Amino acid sequence: MSLATLSRVLTLAVVLAAAAACGGPKDPVMPPPAAPPPVDPPRPTTTAPPSGATTAAARPDPVTPLPPVAPPVTSDPLAAMSLDDVNRSAALKPVFFALDGDQLDEAARLVLAENFQVLKKYANWVVTVEGHCDERGSAEYNLALGDRRAQSARSYLISLGVPAERLRIVSYGKEFPFDPGHDEGAWTKNRRAQFMVTAK
């Protein structure tokens, strides 16, 4: 073999050896695996409200304001009345007497029992018991008779339980008739003990 041929063989051998030392073609570098795509959280399944309806979350109930506080209403009209109105209301009823009499009959005692219940309820009332007569007889006689009639009604109320200091008396005789007539019908109405609330 000539020197030139030997030189080419060696060069080829060196090249092959170098190639073998470096190994074959390298595997391609693989990129790292890609992250999985994000997954949306599951949506709650709700039933759609009927058409036109709203849910509580979508539209909260309006807050109803409290009504204004009204002043207390008294259920007792007499308690709020003036003295004049109380007396005009005839809360205390009069009692009537026979001609020239100052004694209480059964009808008068029943009326006084009703008056006692009123005076018991309104324990702060002070009452004047007025004695009245019809037009017959002298002024002096009728003043005395009116006083006895007022005393008779007052004493009976005290016996029922009304404190004496709440009951005053006055006699007007025939000066203030209830009925200005001049017959027995008018005179019957004028022979009376009448009750006037003078303080409360």
N, C-alpha and C. Protein backbone atom coordinates (compact mmCIF):
# COMPACT_ATOMS: atom_id res chain seq x y z
N MET A 1 0.89 -1.16 0.00
CA MET A 1 0.00 0.00 0.00
C MET A 1 0.92 1.20 0.00
N SER A 2 0.54 2.20 -0.76
CA SER A 2 1.40 3.37 -0.85
C SER A 2 1.18 4.26 0.32
N LEU A 3 2.06 5.13 0.50
CA LEU A 3 2.03 6.04 1.66
C LEU A 3 0.82 6.95 1.55
N ALA A 4 0.46 7.37 0.44
CA ALA A 4 -0.68 8.27 0.25
C ALA A 4 -1.97 7.55 0.59
N THR A 5 -2.06 6.30 0.17
CA THR A 5 -3.29 5.54 0.47
C THR A 5 -3.41 5.29 1.95
N LEU A 6 -2.31 4.96 2.57
CA LEU A 6 -2.31 4.73 4.01
C LEU A 6 -2.74 5.98 4.74
N SER A 7 -2.26 7.10 4.27
CA SER A 7 -2.61 8.36 4.93
C SER A 7 -4.12 8.62 4.84
N ARG A 8 -4.75 8.28 3.71
CA ARG A 8 -6.19 8.50 3.56
C ARG A 8 -6.97 7.54 4.44
N VAL A 9 -6.45 6.30 4.57
CA VAL A 9 -7.15 5.32 5.41
C VAL A 9 -7.13 5.76 6.86
N LEU A 10 -6.01 6.25 7.30
CA LEU A 10 -5.89 6.69 8.70
C LEU A 10 -6.79 7.89 8.97
N THR A 11 -6.83 8.78 8.01
CA THR A 11 -7.66 9.98 8.19
C THR A 11 -9.13 9.58 8.31
N LEU A 12 -9.52 8.60 7.49
CA LEU A 12 -10.89 8.13 7.52
C LEU A 12 -11.18 7.43 8.84
N ALA A 13 -10.17 6.66 9.31
CA ALA A 13 -10.37 5.95 10.58
C ALA A 13 -10.52 6.93 11.74
N VAL A 14 -9.69 8.02 11.70
CA VAL A 14 -9.77 9.01 12.78
C VAL A 14 -11.13 9.69 12.78
N VAL A 15 -11.61 9.97 11.57
CA VAL A 15 -12.91 10.64 11.47
C VAL A 15 -14.00 9.73 12.00
N LEU A 16 -13.95 8.43 11.65
CA LEU A 16 -14.97 7.49 12.12
C LEU A 16 -14.90 7.31 13.63
N ALA A 17 -13.64 7.27 14.11
CA ALA A 17 -13.49 7.10 15.56
C ALA A 17 -14.06 8.31 16.29
N ALA A 18 -13.79 9.50 15.74
CA ALA A 18 -14.30 10.72 16.38
C ALA A 18 -15.82 10.73 16.36
N ALA A 19 -16.34 10.28 15.25
CA ALA A 19 -17.80 10.25 15.16
C ALA A 19 -18.41 9.27 16.15
N ALA A 20 -17.73 8.12 16.29
CA ALA A 20 -18.24 7.10 17.22
C ALA A 20 -18.14 7.59 18.65
N ALA A 21 -17.05 8.37 18.96
CA ALA A 21 -16.88 8.86 20.33
C ALA A 21 -17.98 9.86 20.67
N CYS A 22 -18.36 10.65 19.73
CA CYS A 22 -19.40 11.66 20.00
C CYS A 22 -20.78 11.04 20.04
N GLY A 23 -20.92 9.83 19.65
CA GLY A 23 -22.22 9.16 19.62
C GLY A 23 -23.02 9.59 18.43
N GLY A 24 -24.13 9.00 18.25
CA GLY A 24 -24.98 9.31 17.12
C GLY A 24 -25.66 10.66 17.31
N PRO A 25 -26.50 10.93 16.44
CA PRO A 25 -27.21 12.21 16.56
C PRO A 25 -28.02 12.27 17.85
N LYS A 26 -27.90 13.39 18.56
CA LYS A 26 -28.59 13.54 19.87
C LYS A 26 -30.09 13.61 19.68
N ASP A 27 -30.77 13.06 20.75
CA ASP A 27 -32.23 13.16 20.73
C ASP A 27 -32.64 14.62 20.87
N PRO A 28 -33.64 15.01 20.21
CA PRO A 28 -34.09 16.41 20.37
C PRO A 28 -34.56 16.66 21.79
N VAL A 29 -34.24 17.87 22.30
CA VAL A 29 -34.64 18.23 23.68
C VAL A 29 -36.15 18.46 23.70
N MET A 30 -36.84 17.76 24.63
CA MET A 30 -38.30 17.87 24.74
C MET A 30 -38.66 19.03 25.68
N PRO A 31 -39.54 19.87 25.31
CA PRO A 31 -39.96 20.95 26.24
C PRO A 31 -40.74 20.35 27.41
N PRO A 32 -40.71 21.02 28.56
CA PRO A 32 -41.48 20.50 29.70
C PRO A 32 -42.97 20.45 29.36
N PRO A 33 -43.66 19.52 29.98
CA PRO A 33 -45.09 19.39 29.66
C PRO A 33 -45.84 20.67 30.02
N ALA A 34 -46.75 21.04 29.17
CA ALA A 34 -47.53 22.26 29.40
C ALA A 34 -48.53 22.04 30.55
N ALA A 35 -48.77 23.15 31.34
CA ALA A 35 -49.75 23.07 32.44
C ALA A 35 -51.13 22.90 31.86
N PRO A 36 -51.97 22.11 32.54
CA PRO A 36 -53.33 21.93 32.01
C PRO A 36 -54.08 23.25 32.01
N PRO A 37 -54.98 23.42 31.09
CA PRO A 37 -55.74 24.69 31.05
C PRO A 37 -56.57 24.83 32.32
N PRO A 38 -56.77 26.09 32.82
CA PRO A 38 -57.57 26.27 34.04
C PRO A 38 -59.00 25.80 33.83
N VAL A 39 -59.53 25.25 34.90
CA VAL A 39 -60.90 24.74 34.84
C VAL A 39 -61.79 25.70 35.60
N ASP A 40 -62.86 26.17 34.98
CA ASP A 40 -63.79 27.07 35.67
C ASP A 40 -64.48 26.32 36.81
N PRO A 41 -64.69 27.00 37.98
CA PRO A 41 -65.42 26.33 39.07
C PRO A 41 -66.83 26.01 38.64
N PRO A 42 -67.38 24.96 39.19
CA PRO A 42 -68.74 24.60 38.78
C PRO A 42 -69.74 25.68 39.18
N ARG A 43 -70.65 25.94 38.32
CA ARG A 43 -71.67 26.94 38.60
C ARG A 43 -72.83 26.29 39.33
N PRO A 44 -73.37 27.02 40.37
CA PRO A 44 -74.52 26.41 41.08
C PRO A 44 -75.70 26.32 40.15
N THR A 45 -76.37 25.23 40.30
CA THR A 45 -77.56 25.04 39.45
C THR A 45 -78.75 25.59 40.19
N THR A 46 -79.40 26.55 39.63
CA THR A 46 -80.60 27.14 40.24
C THR A 46 -81.73 27.08 39.24
N THR A 47 -82.89 27.02 39.80
CA THR A 47 -84.06 27.03 38.93
C THR A 47 -84.43 28.47 38.64
N ALA A 48 -84.55 28.80 37.45
CA ALA A 48 -84.86 30.18 37.08
C ALA A 48 -86.23 30.54 37.61
N PRO A 49 -86.35 31.74 38.21
CA PRO A 49 -87.67 32.13 38.72
C PRO A 49 -88.62 32.36 37.58
N PRO A 50 -89.90 32.28 37.86
CA PRO A 50 -90.88 32.53 36.81
C PRO A 50 -90.70 33.92 36.23
N SER A 51 -91.20 34.07 35.06
CA SER A 51 -91.06 35.35 34.39
C SER A 51 -91.68 36.46 35.23
N GLY A 52 -90.94 37.54 35.41
CA GLY A 52 -91.44 38.67 36.18
C GLY A 52 -91.16 38.57 37.66
N ALA A 53 -90.71 37.37 38.16
CA ALA A 53 -90.45 37.21 39.59
C ALA A 53 -89.04 37.64 39.89
N THR A 54 -88.80 38.04 41.12
CA THR A 54 -87.46 38.42 41.56
C THR A 54 -87.11 37.60 42.77
N THR A 55 -85.84 37.35 42.93
CA THR A 55 -85.38 36.60 44.09
C THR A 55 -85.12 37.56 45.22
N ALA A 56 -85.04 36.99 46.45
CA ALA A 56 -84.78 37.81 47.63
C ALA A 56 -83.42 38.46 47.54
N ALA A 57 -82.42 37.72 46.95
CA ALA A 57 -81.09 38.29 46.85
C ALA A 57 -81.06 39.42 45.84
N ALA A 58 -81.89 39.29 44.78
CA ALA A 58 -81.86 40.30 43.74
C ALA A 58 -82.57 41.57 44.20
N ARG A 59 -83.67 41.42 44.96
CA ARG A 59 -84.41 42.59 45.41
C ARG A 59 -84.87 42.36 46.84
N PRO A 60 -84.15 42.90 47.84
CA PRO A 60 -84.55 42.67 49.22
C PRO A 60 -85.87 43.36 49.53
N ASP A 61 -86.59 42.79 50.49
CA ASP A 61 -87.86 43.39 50.88
C ASP A 61 -87.63 44.79 51.44
N PRO A 62 -88.47 45.74 51.06
CA PRO A 62 -88.29 47.08 51.61
C PRO A 62 -88.59 47.08 53.11
N VAL A 63 -87.90 47.93 53.83
CA VAL A 63 -88.11 48.05 55.27
C VAL A 63 -89.29 48.97 55.51
N THR A 64 -90.31 48.45 56.18
CA THR A 64 -91.49 49.25 56.45
C THR A 64 -91.25 50.10 57.69
N PRO A 65 -91.34 51.43 57.58
CA PRO A 65 -91.10 52.26 58.76
C PRO A 65 -92.22 52.08 59.78
N LEU A 66 -91.87 52.24 61.05
CA LEU A 66 -92.87 52.12 62.11
C LEU A 66 -93.82 53.30 62.04
N PRO A 67 -95.11 53.06 62.30
CA PRO A 67 -96.05 54.19 62.26
C PRO A 67 -95.75 55.14 63.40
N PRO A 68 -96.06 56.41 63.23
CA PRO A 68 -95.83 57.35 64.34
C PRO A 68 -96.69 56.99 65.53
N VAL A 69 -96.15 57.24 66.71
CA VAL A 69 -96.87 56.89 67.93
C VAL A 69 -97.92 57.96 68.17
N ALA A 70 -99.17 57.51 68.21
CA ALA A 70 -100.26 58.44 68.44
C ALA A 70 -100.38 58.74 69.92
N PRO A 71 -100.84 59.93 70.27
CA PRO A 71 -101.03 60.23 71.68
C PRO A 71 -102.09 59.30 72.25
N PRO A 72 -101.95 58.94 73.50
CA PRO A 72 -102.93 58.04 74.08
C PRO A 72 -104.33 58.63 74.05
N VAL A 73 -105.26 57.78 73.72
CA VAL A 73 -106.65 58.21 73.66
C VAL A 73 -107.33 57.81 74.95
N THR A 74 -107.87 58.80 75.63
CA THR A 74 -108.54 58.46 76.88
C THR A 74 -109.89 57.83 76.59
N SER A 75 -110.20 56.77 77.29
CA SER A 75 -111.48 56.11 77.12
C SER A 75 -112.50 56.63 78.12
N ASP A 76 -112.14 57.65 78.89
CA ASP A 76 -113.01 58.20 79.92
C ASP A 76 -113.25 59.68 79.63
N PRO A 77 -114.33 60.00 78.93
CA PRO A 77 -114.55 61.40 78.56
C PRO A 77 -114.73 62.31 79.76
N LEU A 78 -115.32 61.82 80.86
CA LEU A 78 -115.53 62.68 82.03
C LEU A 78 -114.23 63.18 82.61
N ALA A 79 -113.17 62.34 82.54
CA ALA A 79 -111.89 62.72 83.13
C ALA A 79 -111.28 63.91 82.41
N ALA A 80 -111.58 64.07 81.12
CA ALA A 80 -110.99 65.15 80.34
C ALA A 80 -111.87 66.39 80.28
N MET A 81 -113.10 66.32 80.80
CA MET A 81 -114.03 67.45 80.71
C MET A 81 -113.71 68.53 81.72
N SER A 82 -114.12 69.75 81.38
CA SER A 82 -114.07 70.85 82.35
C SER A 82 -115.20 70.66 83.36
N LEU A 83 -115.15 71.44 84.44
CA LEU A 83 -116.20 71.34 85.45
C LEU A 83 -117.57 71.66 84.86
N ASP A 84 -117.64 72.70 84.03
CA ASP A 84 -118.92 73.06 83.43
C ASP A 84 -119.47 71.92 82.57
N ASP A 85 -118.58 71.30 81.79
CA ASP A 85 -119.03 70.20 80.94
C ASP A 85 -119.44 68.99 81.76
N VAL A 86 -118.73 68.73 82.85
CA VAL A 86 -119.12 67.61 83.72
C VAL A 86 -120.52 67.84 84.27
N ASN A 87 -120.78 69.06 84.74
CA ASN A 87 -122.10 69.35 85.30
C ASN A 87 -123.19 69.36 84.24
N ARG A 88 -122.85 69.81 83.04
CA ARG A 88 -123.85 69.77 81.97
C ARG A 88 -124.15 68.34 81.54
N SER A 89 -123.18 67.43 81.72
CA SER A 89 -123.40 66.04 81.32
C SER A 89 -124.32 65.29 82.28
N ALA A 90 -124.65 65.90 83.42
CA ALA A 90 -125.50 65.26 84.43
C ALA A 90 -124.93 63.93 84.88
N ALA A 91 -123.60 63.92 85.12
CA ALA A 91 -122.97 62.70 85.63
C ALA A 91 -123.56 62.32 86.98
N LEU A 92 -123.93 63.32 87.78
CA LEU A 92 -124.61 63.10 89.06
C LEU A 92 -126.06 63.53 88.90
N LYS A 93 -126.97 62.62 89.20
CA LYS A 93 -128.39 62.87 88.96
C LYS A 93 -129.06 63.47 90.20
N PRO A 94 -130.07 64.32 90.00
CA PRO A 94 -130.79 64.90 91.15
C PRO A 94 -131.76 63.89 91.76
N VAL A 95 -132.14 64.17 93.00
CA VAL A 95 -133.20 63.39 93.66
C VAL A 95 -134.34 64.34 94.00
N PHE A 96 -135.57 63.79 94.05
CA PHE A 96 -136.76 64.62 94.20
C PHE A 96 -137.49 64.27 95.49
N PHE A 97 -138.27 65.25 95.99
CA PHE A 97 -138.94 65.13 97.29
C PHE A 97 -140.43 65.42 97.16
N ALA A 98 -141.16 64.90 98.12
CA ALA A 98 -142.59 65.19 98.20
C ALA A 98 -142.81 66.62 98.69
N LEU A 99 -144.02 67.11 98.54
CA LEU A 99 -144.37 68.45 98.99
C LEU A 99 -144.07 68.60 100.48
N ASP A 100 -143.32 69.62 100.80
CA ASP A 100 -142.93 69.93 102.18
C ASP A 100 -142.08 68.84 102.81
N GLY A 101 -141.61 67.87 102.02
CA GLY A 101 -140.86 66.76 102.60
C GLY A 101 -139.36 66.89 102.40
N ASP A 102 -138.61 66.21 103.30
CA ASP A 102 -137.15 66.15 103.16
C ASP A 102 -136.64 64.72 103.33
N GLN A 103 -137.57 63.75 103.28
CA GLN A 103 -137.20 62.36 103.44
C GLN A 103 -136.95 61.73 102.06
N LEU A 104 -135.99 60.81 102.02
CA LEU A 104 -135.67 60.12 100.77
C LEU A 104 -136.59 58.93 100.58
N ASP A 105 -137.18 58.83 99.40
CA ASP A 105 -137.96 57.63 99.10
C ASP A 105 -137.05 56.60 98.42
N GLU A 106 -137.63 55.46 98.04
CA GLU A 106 -136.83 54.39 97.45
C GLU A 106 -136.18 54.84 96.13
N ALA A 107 -136.90 55.56 95.31
CA ALA A 107 -136.35 56.03 94.04
C ALA A 107 -135.15 56.95 94.28
N ALA A 108 -135.25 57.82 95.28
CA ALA A 108 -134.15 58.74 95.60
C ALA A 108 -132.93 57.97 96.08
N ARG A 109 -133.15 56.94 96.90
CA ARG A 109 -132.01 56.16 97.40
C ARG A 109 -131.30 55.40 96.27
N LEU A 110 -132.06 54.92 95.29
CA LEU A 110 -131.44 54.25 94.15
C LEU A 110 -130.58 55.22 93.34
N VAL A 111 -131.08 56.44 93.15
CA VAL A 111 -130.30 57.45 92.42
C VAL A 111 -129.03 57.79 93.20
N LEU A 112 -129.16 57.94 94.50
CA LEU A 112 -127.97 58.26 95.31
C LEU A 112 -126.96 57.13 95.29
N ALA A 113 -127.42 55.89 95.22
CA ALA A 113 -126.49 54.76 95.10
C ALA A 113 -125.72 54.84 93.79
N GLU A 114 -126.38 55.24 92.71
CA GLU A 114 -125.68 55.42 91.43
C GLU A 114 -124.68 56.57 91.54
N ASN A 115 -125.09 57.66 92.16
CA ASN A 115 -124.17 58.79 92.34
C ASN A 115 -122.95 58.39 93.17
N PHE A 116 -123.17 57.53 94.15
CA PHE A 116 -122.04 57.06 94.96
C PHE A 116 -121.01 56.34 94.10
N GLN A 117 -121.46 55.52 93.17
CA GLN A 117 -120.51 54.81 92.30
C GLN A 117 -119.69 55.79 91.46
N VAL A 118 -120.33 56.85 91.00
CA VAL A 118 -119.60 57.87 90.23
C VAL A 118 -118.57 58.57 91.14
N LEU A 119 -118.98 58.94 92.33
CA LEU A 119 -118.07 59.62 93.25
C LEU A 119 -116.95 58.70 93.72
N LYS A 120 -117.22 57.42 93.79
CA LYS A 120 -116.17 56.46 94.14
C LYS A 120 -115.14 56.38 93.02
N LYS A 121 -115.60 56.42 91.78
CA LYS A 121 -114.68 56.35 90.64
C LYS A 121 -113.84 57.62 90.53
N TYR A 122 -114.47 58.76 90.73
CA TYR A 122 -113.77 60.04 90.64
C TYR A 122 -113.55 60.58 92.05
N ALA A 123 -112.59 59.97 92.71
CA ALA A 123 -112.38 60.23 94.13
C ALA A 123 -111.83 61.62 94.41
N ASN A 124 -111.44 62.36 93.38
CA ASN A 124 -110.93 63.72 93.61
C ASN A 124 -112.01 64.79 93.45
N TRP A 125 -113.23 64.39 93.07
CA TRP A 125 -114.29 65.37 92.91
C TRP A 125 -114.77 65.88 94.27
N VAL A 126 -115.00 67.20 94.33
CA VAL A 126 -115.67 67.81 95.47
C VAL A 126 -117.03 68.29 94.96
N VAL A 127 -118.08 67.98 95.71
CA VAL A 127 -119.44 68.21 95.23
C VAL A 127 -120.21 69.09 96.21
N THR A 128 -120.97 70.02 95.64
CA THR A 128 -121.91 70.81 96.43
C THR A 128 -123.31 70.26 96.20
N VAL A 129 -123.98 69.92 97.29
CA VAL A 129 -125.36 69.43 97.23
C VAL A 129 -126.27 70.63 97.42
N GLU A 130 -127.07 70.93 96.40
CA GLU A 130 -127.95 72.09 96.43
C GLU A 130 -129.37 71.65 96.81
N GLY A 131 -129.98 72.36 97.77
CA GLY A 131 -131.37 72.10 98.14
C GLY A 131 -132.29 73.10 97.46
N HIS A 132 -133.35 72.61 96.80
CA HIS A 132 -134.27 73.48 96.07
C HIS A 132 -135.71 73.17 96.46
N CYS A 133 -136.57 74.18 96.27
CA CYS A 133 -137.99 74.04 96.59
C CYS A 133 -138.83 74.59 95.43
N ASP A 134 -140.13 74.31 95.48
CA ASP A 134 -141.00 74.94 94.50
C ASP A 134 -141.35 76.34 94.97
N GLU A 135 -142.16 77.04 94.20
CA GLU A 135 -142.38 78.46 94.44
C GLU A 135 -143.34 78.75 95.59
N ARG A 136 -144.05 77.77 96.09
CA ARG A 136 -145.02 78.01 97.15
C ARG A 136 -144.33 78.13 98.51
N GLY A 137 -144.87 78.96 99.36
CA GLY A 137 -144.29 79.16 100.68
C GLY A 137 -143.38 80.39 100.69
N SER A 138 -143.03 80.81 101.89
CA SER A 138 -142.20 81.99 102.04
C SER A 138 -140.75 81.67 101.70
N ALA A 139 -139.97 82.71 101.47
CA ALA A 139 -138.56 82.53 101.16
C ALA A 139 -137.85 81.88 102.33
N GLU A 140 -138.16 82.33 103.58
CA GLU A 140 -137.49 81.76 104.75
C GLU A 140 -137.82 80.27 104.92
N TYR A 141 -139.09 79.94 104.73
CA TYR A 141 -139.48 78.54 104.86
C TYR A 141 -138.77 77.68 103.82
N ASN A 142 -138.73 78.14 102.60
CA ASN A 142 -138.13 77.34 101.53
C ASN A 142 -136.62 77.24 101.68
N LEU A 143 -135.96 78.29 102.22
CA LEU A 143 -134.52 78.18 102.46
C LEU A 143 -134.23 77.09 103.49
N ALA A 144 -135.04 77.05 104.55
CA ALA A 144 -134.84 76.02 105.58
C ALA A 144 -135.15 74.64 105.02
N LEU A 145 -136.24 74.53 104.25
CA LEU A 145 -136.61 73.23 103.67
C LEU A 145 -135.54 72.77 102.68
N GLY A 146 -135.03 73.68 101.86
CA GLY A 146 -133.97 73.32 100.92
C GLY A 146 -132.71 72.83 101.65
N ASP A 147 -132.40 73.45 102.80
CA ASP A 147 -131.24 73.02 103.57
C ASP A 147 -131.43 71.59 104.09
N ARG A 148 -132.65 71.27 104.57
CA ARG A 148 -132.91 69.93 105.08
C ARG A 148 -132.82 68.89 103.95
N ARG A 149 -133.30 69.26 102.80
CA ARG A 149 -133.22 68.33 101.65
C ARG A 149 -131.76 68.07 101.25
N ALA A 150 -130.94 69.11 101.22
CA ALA A 150 -129.53 68.93 100.89
C ALA A 150 -128.85 68.08 101.96
N GLN A 151 -129.17 68.34 103.23
CA GLN A 151 -128.57 67.55 104.32
C GLN A 151 -128.96 66.08 104.22
N SER A 152 -130.21 65.84 103.87
CA SER A 152 -130.68 64.45 103.77
C SER A 152 -129.91 63.69 102.69
N ALA A 153 -129.73 64.30 101.52
CA ALA A 153 -128.99 63.64 100.44
C ALA A 153 -127.52 63.47 100.82
N ARG A 154 -126.93 64.48 101.43
CA ARG A 154 -125.51 64.40 101.83
C ARG A 154 -125.30 63.28 102.85
N SER A 155 -126.19 63.21 103.85
CA SER A 155 -126.03 62.19 104.89
C SER A 155 -126.11 60.78 104.31
N TYR A 156 -126.99 60.60 103.34
CA TYR A 156 -127.10 59.25 102.76
C TYR A 156 -125.84 58.90 101.98
N LEU A 157 -125.28 59.83 101.23
CA LEU A 157 -124.03 59.55 100.51
C LEU A 157 -122.89 59.24 101.48
N ILE A 158 -122.85 59.95 102.60
CA ILE A 158 -121.81 59.67 103.61
C ILE A 158 -122.00 58.26 104.17
N SER A 159 -123.25 57.87 104.37
CA SER A 159 -123.50 56.52 104.89
C SER A 159 -123.05 55.44 103.90
N LEU A 160 -123.04 55.78 102.62
CA LEU A 160 -122.58 54.82 101.60
C LEU A 160 -121.06 54.75 101.52
N GLY A 161 -120.38 55.79 102.03
CA GLY A 161 -118.91 55.74 102.02
C GLY A 161 -118.21 56.95 101.43
N VAL A 162 -118.96 57.97 101.02
CA VAL A 162 -118.31 59.18 100.49
C VAL A 162 -117.76 59.99 101.67
N PRO A 163 -116.49 60.39 101.68
CA PRO A 163 -115.96 61.20 102.78
C PRO A 163 -116.74 62.51 102.92
N ALA A 164 -117.03 62.88 104.16
CA ALA A 164 -117.85 64.07 104.43
C ALA A 164 -117.22 65.33 103.87
N GLU A 165 -115.87 65.40 103.87
CA GLU A 165 -115.21 66.63 103.41
C GLU A 165 -115.37 66.86 101.90
N ARG A 166 -115.83 65.87 101.19
CA ARG A 166 -116.04 66.04 99.75
C ARG A 166 -117.44 66.54 99.42
N LEU A 167 -118.30 66.66 100.42
CA LEU A 167 -119.70 67.03 100.19
C LEU A 167 -120.06 68.29 100.97
N ARG A 168 -120.35 69.35 100.25
CA ARG A 168 -120.79 70.61 100.86
C ARG A 168 -122.27 70.79 100.54
N ILE A 169 -122.93 71.65 101.29
CA ILE A 169 -124.36 71.88 101.04
C ILE A 169 -124.63 73.38 100.93
N VAL A 170 -125.69 73.69 100.18
CA VAL A 170 -126.19 75.06 100.07
C VAL A 170 -127.68 74.96 99.77
N SER A 171 -128.44 75.90 100.30
CA SER A 171 -129.87 75.94 100.02
C SER A 171 -130.19 77.18 99.20
N TYR A 172 -130.93 76.98 98.12
CA TYR A 172 -131.37 78.10 97.29
C TYR A 172 -132.88 78.33 97.42
N GLY A 173 -133.54 77.53 98.26
CA GLY A 173 -134.97 77.71 98.42
C GLY A 173 -135.68 77.61 97.08
N LYS A 174 -136.48 78.66 96.79
CA LYS A 174 -137.23 78.65 95.52
C LYS A 174 -136.62 79.56 94.47
N GLU A 175 -135.37 80.00 94.69
CA GLU A 175 -134.77 81.01 93.82
C GLU A 175 -134.38 80.48 92.43
N PHE A 176 -134.05 79.23 92.31
CA PHE A 176 -133.57 78.69 91.03
C PHE A 176 -134.39 77.46 90.62
N PRO A 177 -135.62 77.69 90.15
CA PRO A 177 -136.44 76.54 89.75
C PRO A 177 -135.87 75.85 88.51
N PHE A 178 -135.99 74.54 88.49
CA PHE A 178 -135.59 73.77 87.31
C PHE A 178 -136.58 74.00 86.18
N ASP A 179 -137.85 74.07 86.54
CA ASP A 179 -138.92 74.31 85.56
C ASP A 179 -139.66 75.58 85.99
N PRO A 180 -139.73 76.59 85.12
CA PRO A 180 -140.36 77.85 85.52
C PRO A 180 -141.89 77.81 85.51
N GLY A 181 -142.47 76.65 85.26
CA GLY A 181 -143.93 76.56 85.22
C GLY A 181 -144.56 76.77 86.58
N HIS A 182 -145.91 76.88 86.54
CA HIS A 182 -146.66 77.17 87.77
C HIS A 182 -147.73 76.12 88.00
N ASP A 183 -147.37 74.87 87.77
CA ASP A 183 -148.32 73.79 88.00
C ASP A 183 -147.60 72.64 88.70
N GLU A 184 -148.36 71.61 89.04
CA GLU A 184 -147.77 70.50 89.79
C GLU A 184 -146.65 69.82 89.02
N GLY A 185 -146.75 69.74 87.70
CA GLY A 185 -145.68 69.13 86.91
C GLY A 185 -144.37 69.87 87.09
N ALA A 186 -144.40 71.20 87.09
CA ALA A 186 -143.19 71.99 87.30
C ALA A 186 -142.74 71.90 88.76
N TRP A 187 -143.66 71.98 89.69
CA TRP A 187 -143.30 71.97 91.12
C TRP A 187 -142.63 70.65 91.51
N THR A 188 -143.08 69.54 90.91
CA THR A 188 -142.48 68.24 91.21
C THR A 188 -141.00 68.22 90.82
N LYS A 189 -140.67 68.85 89.71
CA LYS A 189 -139.27 68.90 89.28
C LYS A 189 -138.43 69.84 90.13
N ASN A 190 -139.07 70.85 90.70
CA ASN A 190 -138.32 71.85 91.45
C ASN A 190 -138.03 71.45 92.90
N ARG A 191 -138.75 70.49 93.45
CA ARG A 191 -138.49 70.00 94.81
C ARG A 191 -137.38 68.95 94.74
N ARG A 192 -136.15 69.40 94.88
CA ARG A 192 -135.04 68.49 94.55
C ARG A 192 -133.78 68.82 95.36
N ALA A 193 -132.88 67.84 95.36
CA ALA A 193 -131.49 68.06 95.77
C ALA A 193 -130.64 67.80 94.51
N GLN A 194 -129.86 68.78 94.15
CA GLN A 194 -129.08 68.72 92.91
C GLN A 194 -127.59 68.72 93.25
N PHE A 195 -126.78 68.05 92.42
CA PHE A 195 -125.35 67.86 92.72
C PHE A 195 -124.50 68.57 91.68
N MET A 196 -123.61 69.44 92.15
CA MET A 196 -122.73 70.20 91.27
C MET A 196 -121.29 69.91 91.66
N VAL A 197 -120.50 69.46 90.69
CA VAL A 197 -119.07 69.23 90.92
C VAL A 197 -118.39 70.60 90.92
N THR A 198 -117.77 70.94 92.05
CA THR A 198 -117.16 72.27 92.20
C THR A 198 -115.64 72.23 92.18
N ALA A 199 -115.05 71.05 92.26
CA ALA A 199 -113.58 70.91 92.18
C ALA A 199 -113.28 69.48 91.80
N LYS A 200 -112.13 69.33 91.09
CA LYS A 200 -111.67 67.98 90.77
C LYS A 200 -110.16 67.97 90.56
